[in-house]
Amino acid sequence: MKNIFALFLCLLCINTYAENTSTWSCLNPWVEISCHAEHCQFETEYFTPFRINIKNQKDINICAYSGCWSGQVSHQQHSTLSSYTTQQLQWNYNQQTSEKFIVNIDTENKIGVLLGYSYALPLQCQMD
C-alpha cells in the first residue's frame, strides 16, 4: 500500500512539474483588431502577427511591430482555460511600463485571445 501511495505522489509531482515548466507560444495569424473610442479596425491582409510566449506559467513576452513587452504574469487555471494577466512590463527590456494585458488560452483547443494596449486578438497557440 505504501508503494502505491508513493507512486501516486511521484506521478502527481511529475505532472505538476511538467505543467509548471510548460511554454505556450501564440500568434494572431488571421486578423489584427485594434479598438479606440468605441470603434474597432480589422486588418486581415497587411499586418505582422503578434508573438506571445508564456514560460513556466509566470514569464511573458508579447512582441509586436517594433519590440517586445516582457515581465511576469499572474496565472489562474479554470478547467481547460488558462488565464494570464500582467501589471508591470518592460518595453524592449529597458523601459518600465504599466501596460495591462490579459491572455486567455483554451488549452484543449489551443486557441486564445489577447486583450490590451487597444488590441483584441484571436490567437492560435501551441505548447512547446
N, C-alpha and C. Protein backbone atom coordinates (compact mmCIF):
# COMPACT_ATOMS: atom_id res chain seq x y z
N MET A 1 0.82 -1.20 0.00
CA MET A 1 0.00 0.00 0.00
C MET A 1 0.86 1.26 0.00
N LYS A 2 1.97 1.21 0.78
CA LYS A 2 2.87 2.37 0.82
C LYS A 2 3.48 2.63 -0.55
N ASN A 3 3.79 1.54 -1.29
CA ASN A 3 4.39 1.70 -2.61
C ASN A 3 3.42 2.36 -3.58
N ILE A 4 2.16 2.00 -3.53
CA ILE A 4 1.16 2.61 -4.41
C ILE A 4 0.99 4.09 -4.07
N PHE A 5 0.94 4.41 -2.79
CA PHE A 5 0.82 5.81 -2.36
C PHE A 5 2.04 6.62 -2.80
N ALA A 6 3.23 6.05 -2.65
CA ALA A 6 4.46 6.74 -3.07
C ALA A 6 4.48 6.94 -4.58
N LEU A 7 4.02 5.93 -5.33
CA LEU A 7 3.95 6.06 -6.79
C LEU A 7 2.96 7.15 -7.18
N PHE A 8 1.82 7.20 -6.53
CA PHE A 8 0.82 8.23 -6.80
C PHE A 8 1.39 9.62 -6.55
N LEU A 9 2.08 9.81 -5.43
CA LEU A 9 2.69 11.11 -5.12
C LEU A 9 3.75 11.48 -6.14
N CYS A 10 4.52 10.50 -6.56
CA CYS A 10 5.57 10.75 -7.55
C CYS A 10 4.96 11.18 -8.88
N LEU A 11 3.92 10.50 -9.32
CA LEU A 11 3.24 10.87 -10.57
C LEU A 11 2.60 12.24 -10.48
N LEU A 12 2.03 12.56 -9.34
CA LEU A 12 1.44 13.87 -9.13
C LEU A 12 2.50 14.96 -9.21
N CYS A 13 3.66 14.72 -8.61
CA CYS A 13 4.76 15.70 -8.67
C CYS A 13 5.26 15.88 -10.09
N ILE A 14 5.40 14.79 -10.83
CA ILE A 14 5.86 14.89 -12.22
C ILE A 14 4.85 15.68 -13.05
N ASN A 15 3.57 15.40 -12.89
CA ASN A 15 2.54 16.11 -13.63
C ASN A 15 2.54 17.59 -13.29
N THR A 16 2.67 17.94 -12.02
CA THR A 16 2.71 19.34 -11.60
C THR A 16 3.96 20.01 -12.14
N TYR A 17 5.09 19.34 -12.11
CA TYR A 17 6.33 19.91 -12.63
C TYR A 17 6.21 20.16 -14.14
N ALA A 18 5.68 19.18 -14.88
CA ALA A 18 5.53 19.34 -16.33
C ALA A 18 4.59 20.49 -16.65
N GLU A 19 3.51 20.62 -15.90
CA GLU A 19 2.55 21.70 -16.15
C GLU A 19 3.18 23.06 -15.88
N ASN A 20 3.99 23.17 -14.82
CA ASN A 20 4.57 24.45 -14.45
C ASN A 20 5.83 24.80 -15.24
N THR A 21 6.35 23.87 -16.03
CA THR A 21 7.52 24.17 -16.84
C THR A 21 7.15 24.24 -18.32
N SER A 22 5.89 24.37 -18.61
CA SER A 22 5.46 24.43 -19.99
C SER A 22 5.64 25.84 -20.56
N THR A 23 5.75 25.88 -21.88
CA THR A 23 5.84 27.16 -22.58
C THR A 23 4.76 27.19 -23.65
N TRP A 24 3.96 28.24 -23.63
CA TRP A 24 2.96 28.47 -24.67
C TRP A 24 3.50 29.49 -25.65
N SER A 25 3.31 29.22 -26.93
CA SER A 25 3.63 30.17 -28.00
C SER A 25 2.35 30.43 -28.78
N CYS A 26 2.03 31.71 -28.97
CA CYS A 26 0.79 32.07 -29.65
C CYS A 26 1.05 33.15 -30.70
N LEU A 27 0.26 33.11 -31.76
CA LEU A 27 0.26 34.12 -32.82
C LEU A 27 -1.18 34.49 -33.15
N ASN A 28 -1.36 35.65 -33.75
CA ASN A 28 -2.67 36.03 -34.30
C ASN A 28 -2.57 36.01 -35.83
N PRO A 29 -2.60 34.83 -36.45
CA PRO A 29 -2.36 34.73 -37.89
C PRO A 29 -3.53 35.17 -38.77
N TRP A 30 -4.73 35.28 -38.20
CA TRP A 30 -5.92 35.52 -39.01
C TRP A 30 -6.26 36.99 -39.16
N VAL A 31 -6.10 37.75 -38.08
CA VAL A 31 -6.59 39.13 -38.09
C VAL A 31 -5.90 39.92 -36.98
N GLU A 32 -5.76 41.22 -37.22
CA GLU A 32 -5.32 42.14 -36.17
C GLU A 32 -6.49 43.10 -35.93
N ILE A 33 -6.94 43.17 -34.70
CA ILE A 33 -8.07 44.02 -34.34
C ILE A 33 -7.58 45.05 -33.34
N SER A 34 -7.71 46.32 -33.70
CA SER A 34 -7.36 47.39 -32.77
C SER A 34 -8.61 48.24 -32.54
N CYS A 35 -8.82 48.64 -31.31
CA CYS A 35 -10.04 49.37 -30.94
C CYS A 35 -9.69 50.66 -30.21
N HIS A 36 -10.35 51.74 -30.61
CA HIS A 36 -10.18 53.06 -29.99
C HIS A 36 -11.54 53.75 -29.96
N ALA A 37 -11.88 54.32 -28.82
CA ALA A 37 -13.09 55.14 -28.68
C ALA A 37 -14.32 54.50 -29.32
N GLU A 38 -14.63 53.29 -28.91
CA GLU A 38 -15.83 52.57 -29.35
C GLU A 38 -15.84 52.23 -30.84
N HIS A 39 -14.68 52.19 -31.47
CA HIS A 39 -14.58 51.82 -32.87
C HIS A 39 -13.41 50.84 -33.03
N CYS A 40 -13.66 49.74 -33.72
CA CYS A 40 -12.61 48.76 -33.94
C CYS A 40 -12.26 48.69 -35.42
N GLN A 41 -10.98 48.51 -35.67
CA GLN A 41 -10.47 48.39 -37.03
C GLN A 41 -9.92 46.98 -37.20
N PHE A 42 -10.28 46.32 -38.31
CA PHE A 42 -9.88 44.96 -38.59
C PHE A 42 -8.92 44.95 -39.77
N GLU A 43 -7.81 44.27 -39.61
CA GLU A 43 -6.85 44.12 -40.71
C GLU A 43 -6.61 42.63 -40.91
N THR A 44 -6.91 42.13 -42.11
CA THR A 44 -6.76 40.70 -42.37
C THR A 44 -5.65 40.38 -43.36
N GLU A 45 -5.09 41.38 -44.01
CA GLU A 45 -4.08 41.08 -45.03
C GLU A 45 -2.70 41.65 -44.72
N TYR A 46 -2.61 42.91 -44.36
CA TYR A 46 -1.31 43.58 -44.23
C TYR A 46 -1.02 43.91 -42.78
N PHE A 47 -0.61 42.89 -42.03
CA PHE A 47 -0.23 43.10 -40.64
C PHE A 47 0.82 42.07 -40.26
N THR A 48 1.58 42.40 -39.24
CA THR A 48 2.57 41.48 -38.70
C THR A 48 1.97 40.86 -37.44
N PRO A 49 1.83 39.54 -37.39
CA PRO A 49 1.25 38.92 -36.20
C PRO A 49 2.06 39.21 -34.94
N PHE A 50 1.36 39.39 -33.83
CA PHE A 50 2.00 39.46 -32.53
C PHE A 50 2.55 38.07 -32.22
N ARG A 51 3.66 38.02 -31.49
CA ARG A 51 4.21 36.77 -30.99
C ARG A 51 4.14 36.81 -29.47
N ILE A 52 3.51 35.83 -28.89
CA ILE A 52 3.33 35.79 -27.44
C ILE A 52 3.93 34.48 -26.93
N ASN A 53 4.81 34.58 -25.94
CA ASN A 53 5.39 33.40 -25.29
C ASN A 53 5.17 33.51 -23.80
N ILE A 54 4.66 32.44 -23.24
CA ILE A 54 4.44 32.36 -21.79
C ILE A 54 5.22 31.16 -21.30
N LYS A 55 6.18 31.42 -20.41
CA LYS A 55 7.07 30.36 -19.94
C LYS A 55 6.83 30.07 -18.46
N ASN A 56 6.70 28.80 -18.15
CA ASN A 56 6.59 28.33 -16.76
C ASN A 56 5.43 28.97 -15.99
N GLN A 57 4.38 29.35 -16.69
CA GLN A 57 3.18 29.94 -16.06
C GLN A 57 3.47 31.26 -15.37
N LYS A 58 4.66 31.88 -15.61
CA LYS A 58 4.96 33.10 -14.86
C LYS A 58 5.65 34.19 -15.65
N ASP A 59 6.31 33.89 -16.76
CA ASP A 59 7.02 34.91 -17.54
C ASP A 59 6.38 35.04 -18.91
N ILE A 60 6.25 36.28 -19.39
CA ILE A 60 5.60 36.52 -20.68
C ILE A 60 6.43 37.47 -21.52
N ASN A 61 6.40 37.25 -22.83
CA ASN A 61 6.91 38.16 -23.83
C ASN A 61 5.79 38.37 -24.84
N ILE A 62 5.46 39.62 -25.08
CA ILE A 62 4.45 39.97 -26.08
C ILE A 62 5.17 40.86 -27.08
N CYS A 63 5.42 40.32 -28.27
CA CYS A 63 6.20 41.05 -29.27
C CYS A 63 5.28 41.56 -30.38
N ALA A 64 5.44 42.84 -30.68
CA ALA A 64 4.64 43.49 -31.72
C ALA A 64 5.60 44.04 -32.77
N TYR A 65 5.17 45.00 -33.50
CA TYR A 65 5.92 45.53 -34.64
C TYR A 65 7.34 45.98 -34.29
N SER A 66 7.49 46.81 -33.30
CA SER A 66 8.80 47.44 -33.06
C SER A 66 9.49 46.97 -31.79
N GLY A 67 8.98 45.94 -31.16
CA GLY A 67 9.64 45.47 -29.96
C GLY A 67 8.78 44.52 -29.15
N CYS A 68 9.18 44.34 -27.90
CA CYS A 68 8.50 43.38 -27.02
C CYS A 68 8.26 43.97 -25.64
N TRP A 69 7.12 43.61 -25.07
CA TRP A 69 6.87 43.82 -23.65
C TRP A 69 7.28 42.51 -22.97
N SER A 70 7.89 42.59 -21.82
CA SER A 70 8.26 41.37 -21.10
C SER A 70 8.09 41.60 -19.61
N GLY A 71 7.83 40.51 -18.91
CA GLY A 71 7.68 40.59 -17.46
C GLY A 71 6.99 39.35 -16.92
N GLN A 72 6.42 39.52 -15.74
CA GLN A 72 5.76 38.40 -15.08
C GLN A 72 4.25 38.49 -15.22
N VAL A 73 3.62 37.34 -15.13
CA VAL A 73 2.17 37.24 -15.20
C VAL A 73 1.64 36.56 -13.95
N SER A 74 0.38 36.83 -13.67
CA SER A 74 -0.37 36.05 -12.69
C SER A 74 -1.14 35.01 -13.48
N HIS A 75 -1.19 33.79 -12.97
CA HIS A 75 -1.83 32.69 -13.69
C HIS A 75 -2.99 32.13 -12.89
N GLN A 76 -4.09 31.87 -13.59
CA GLN A 76 -5.22 31.17 -13.00
C GLN A 76 -5.67 30.09 -13.97
N GLN A 77 -6.03 28.94 -13.43
CA GLN A 77 -6.49 27.81 -14.25
C GLN A 77 -7.93 27.50 -13.88
N HIS A 78 -8.80 27.39 -14.88
CA HIS A 78 -10.20 27.01 -14.69
C HIS A 78 -10.49 25.90 -15.69
N SER A 79 -10.43 24.67 -15.23
CA SER A 79 -10.62 23.51 -16.10
C SER A 79 -9.61 23.57 -17.24
N THR A 80 -10.03 23.70 -18.49
CA THR A 80 -9.10 23.75 -19.61
C THR A 80 -8.78 25.18 -20.04
N LEU A 81 -9.16 26.16 -19.25
CA LEU A 81 -8.89 27.55 -19.58
C LEU A 81 -7.79 28.11 -18.68
N SER A 82 -6.73 28.62 -19.29
CA SER A 82 -5.65 29.28 -18.57
C SER A 82 -5.76 30.77 -18.80
N SER A 83 -5.63 31.54 -17.74
CA SER A 83 -5.72 33.00 -17.82
C SER A 83 -4.44 33.60 -17.25
N TYR A 84 -3.83 34.50 -18.02
CA TYR A 84 -2.58 35.15 -17.64
C TYR A 84 -2.79 36.66 -17.68
N THR A 85 -2.48 37.35 -16.58
CA THR A 85 -2.64 38.81 -16.52
C THR A 85 -1.31 39.45 -16.15
N THR A 86 -1.13 40.68 -16.66
CA THR A 86 0.10 41.42 -16.39
C THR A 86 -0.23 42.70 -15.64
N GLN A 87 0.75 43.25 -14.97
CA GLN A 87 0.64 44.56 -14.31
C GLN A 87 1.77 45.48 -14.75
N GLN A 88 2.99 45.04 -14.52
CA GLN A 88 4.19 45.81 -14.88
C GLN A 88 4.98 45.03 -15.92
N LEU A 89 5.29 45.66 -17.04
CA LEU A 89 6.11 45.04 -18.07
C LEU A 89 7.23 45.98 -18.46
N GLN A 90 8.23 45.44 -19.10
CA GLN A 90 9.30 46.27 -19.65
C GLN A 90 9.17 46.27 -21.16
N TRP A 91 9.34 47.45 -21.77
CA TRP A 91 9.32 47.57 -23.22
C TRP A 91 10.76 47.47 -23.72
N ASN A 92 11.02 46.52 -24.59
CA ASN A 92 12.36 46.27 -25.14
C ASN A 92 13.41 46.12 -24.04
N TYR A 93 13.02 45.49 -22.95
CA TYR A 93 13.92 45.12 -21.85
C TYR A 93 14.55 46.29 -21.11
N ASN A 94 14.03 47.52 -21.29
CA ASN A 94 14.63 48.61 -20.51
C ASN A 94 13.61 49.59 -19.96
N GLN A 95 12.63 50.00 -20.70
CA GLN A 95 11.67 51.00 -20.24
C GLN A 95 10.52 50.31 -19.49
N GLN A 96 10.34 50.65 -18.23
CA GLN A 96 9.28 50.08 -17.41
C GLN A 96 7.94 50.70 -17.80
N THR A 97 6.93 49.87 -18.04
CA THR A 97 5.59 50.37 -18.38
C THR A 97 4.58 49.67 -17.49
N SER A 98 3.43 50.26 -17.37
CA SER A 98 2.36 49.63 -16.59
C SER A 98 1.29 49.07 -17.52
N GLU A 99 1.70 48.59 -18.68
CA GLU A 99 0.74 48.02 -19.63
C GLU A 99 0.06 46.80 -19.02
N LYS A 100 -1.23 46.78 -19.20
CA LYS A 100 -2.02 45.67 -18.68
C LYS A 100 -2.54 44.84 -19.85
N PHE A 101 -2.22 43.57 -19.82
CA PHE A 101 -2.69 42.62 -20.82
C PHE A 101 -3.34 41.45 -20.10
N ILE A 102 -4.24 40.79 -20.79
CA ILE A 102 -4.76 39.51 -20.36
C ILE A 102 -4.70 38.58 -21.56
N VAL A 103 -4.19 37.38 -21.33
CA VAL A 103 -4.15 36.34 -22.36
C VAL A 103 -4.90 35.16 -21.79
N ASN A 104 -5.92 34.73 -22.52
CA ASN A 104 -6.68 33.54 -22.14
C ASN A 104 -6.45 32.47 -23.19
N ILE A 105 -6.16 31.25 -22.73
CA ILE A 105 -5.88 30.14 -23.65
C ILE A 105 -6.77 28.96 -23.29
N ASP A 106 -7.49 28.45 -24.28
CA ASP A 106 -8.20 27.19 -24.16
C ASP A 106 -7.17 26.11 -24.45
N THR A 107 -6.68 25.46 -23.40
CA THR A 107 -5.57 24.53 -23.54
C THR A 107 -5.96 23.26 -24.28
N GLU A 108 -7.23 22.95 -24.34
CA GLU A 108 -7.69 21.77 -25.07
C GLU A 108 -7.72 22.03 -26.58
N ASN A 109 -8.27 23.17 -26.98
CA ASN A 109 -8.41 23.50 -28.40
C ASN A 109 -7.26 24.34 -28.94
N LYS A 110 -6.38 24.80 -28.05
CA LYS A 110 -5.20 25.58 -28.41
C LYS A 110 -5.54 26.87 -29.17
N ILE A 111 -6.57 27.53 -28.70
CA ILE A 111 -6.92 28.86 -29.21
C ILE A 111 -6.98 29.81 -28.02
N GLY A 112 -6.83 31.10 -28.30
CA GLY A 112 -6.85 32.05 -27.19
C GLY A 112 -7.22 33.44 -27.67
N VAL A 113 -7.08 34.38 -26.76
CA VAL A 113 -7.35 35.78 -27.06
C VAL A 113 -6.42 36.63 -26.20
N LEU A 114 -5.92 37.71 -26.79
CA LEU A 114 -5.14 38.70 -26.07
C LEU A 114 -5.95 39.99 -26.06
N LEU A 115 -6.07 40.61 -24.89
CA LEU A 115 -6.69 41.92 -24.74
C LEU A 115 -5.70 42.85 -24.07
N GLY A 116 -5.54 44.04 -24.63
CA GLY A 116 -4.66 45.03 -24.02
C GLY A 116 -4.04 45.93 -25.05
N TYR A 117 -3.61 47.10 -24.59
CA TYR A 117 -2.96 48.10 -25.43
C TYR A 117 -3.80 48.39 -26.68
N SER A 118 -5.11 48.43 -26.50
CA SER A 118 -6.10 48.70 -27.55
C SER A 118 -6.22 47.59 -28.58
N TYR A 119 -5.77 46.38 -28.26
CA TYR A 119 -5.88 45.25 -29.18
C TYR A 119 -6.80 44.18 -28.59
N ALA A 120 -7.50 43.49 -29.48
CA ALA A 120 -8.30 42.32 -29.15
C ALA A 120 -7.97 41.28 -30.21
N LEU A 121 -7.07 40.35 -29.90
CA LEU A 121 -6.51 39.45 -30.91
C LEU A 121 -6.90 38.00 -30.67
N PRO A 122 -7.52 37.36 -31.64
CA PRO A 122 -7.71 35.91 -31.53
C PRO A 122 -6.37 35.23 -31.79
N LEU A 123 -6.08 34.20 -31.02
CA LEU A 123 -4.76 33.58 -31.06
C LEU A 123 -4.83 32.10 -31.41
N GLN A 124 -3.81 31.66 -32.12
CA GLN A 124 -3.57 30.25 -32.36
C GLN A 124 -2.35 29.90 -31.51
N CYS A 125 -2.48 28.91 -30.63
CA CYS A 125 -1.43 28.62 -29.65
C CYS A 125 -0.94 27.19 -29.76
N GLN A 126 0.27 27.00 -29.29
CA GLN A 126 0.83 25.65 -29.18
C GLN A 126 1.73 25.59 -27.95
N MET A 127 1.80 24.40 -27.39
CA MET A 127 2.69 24.19 -26.25
C MET A 127 4.03 23.70 -26.76
N ASP A 128 5.09 24.36 -26.35
CA ASP A 128 6.43 23.98 -26.78
C ASP A 128 7.05 23.01 -25.80
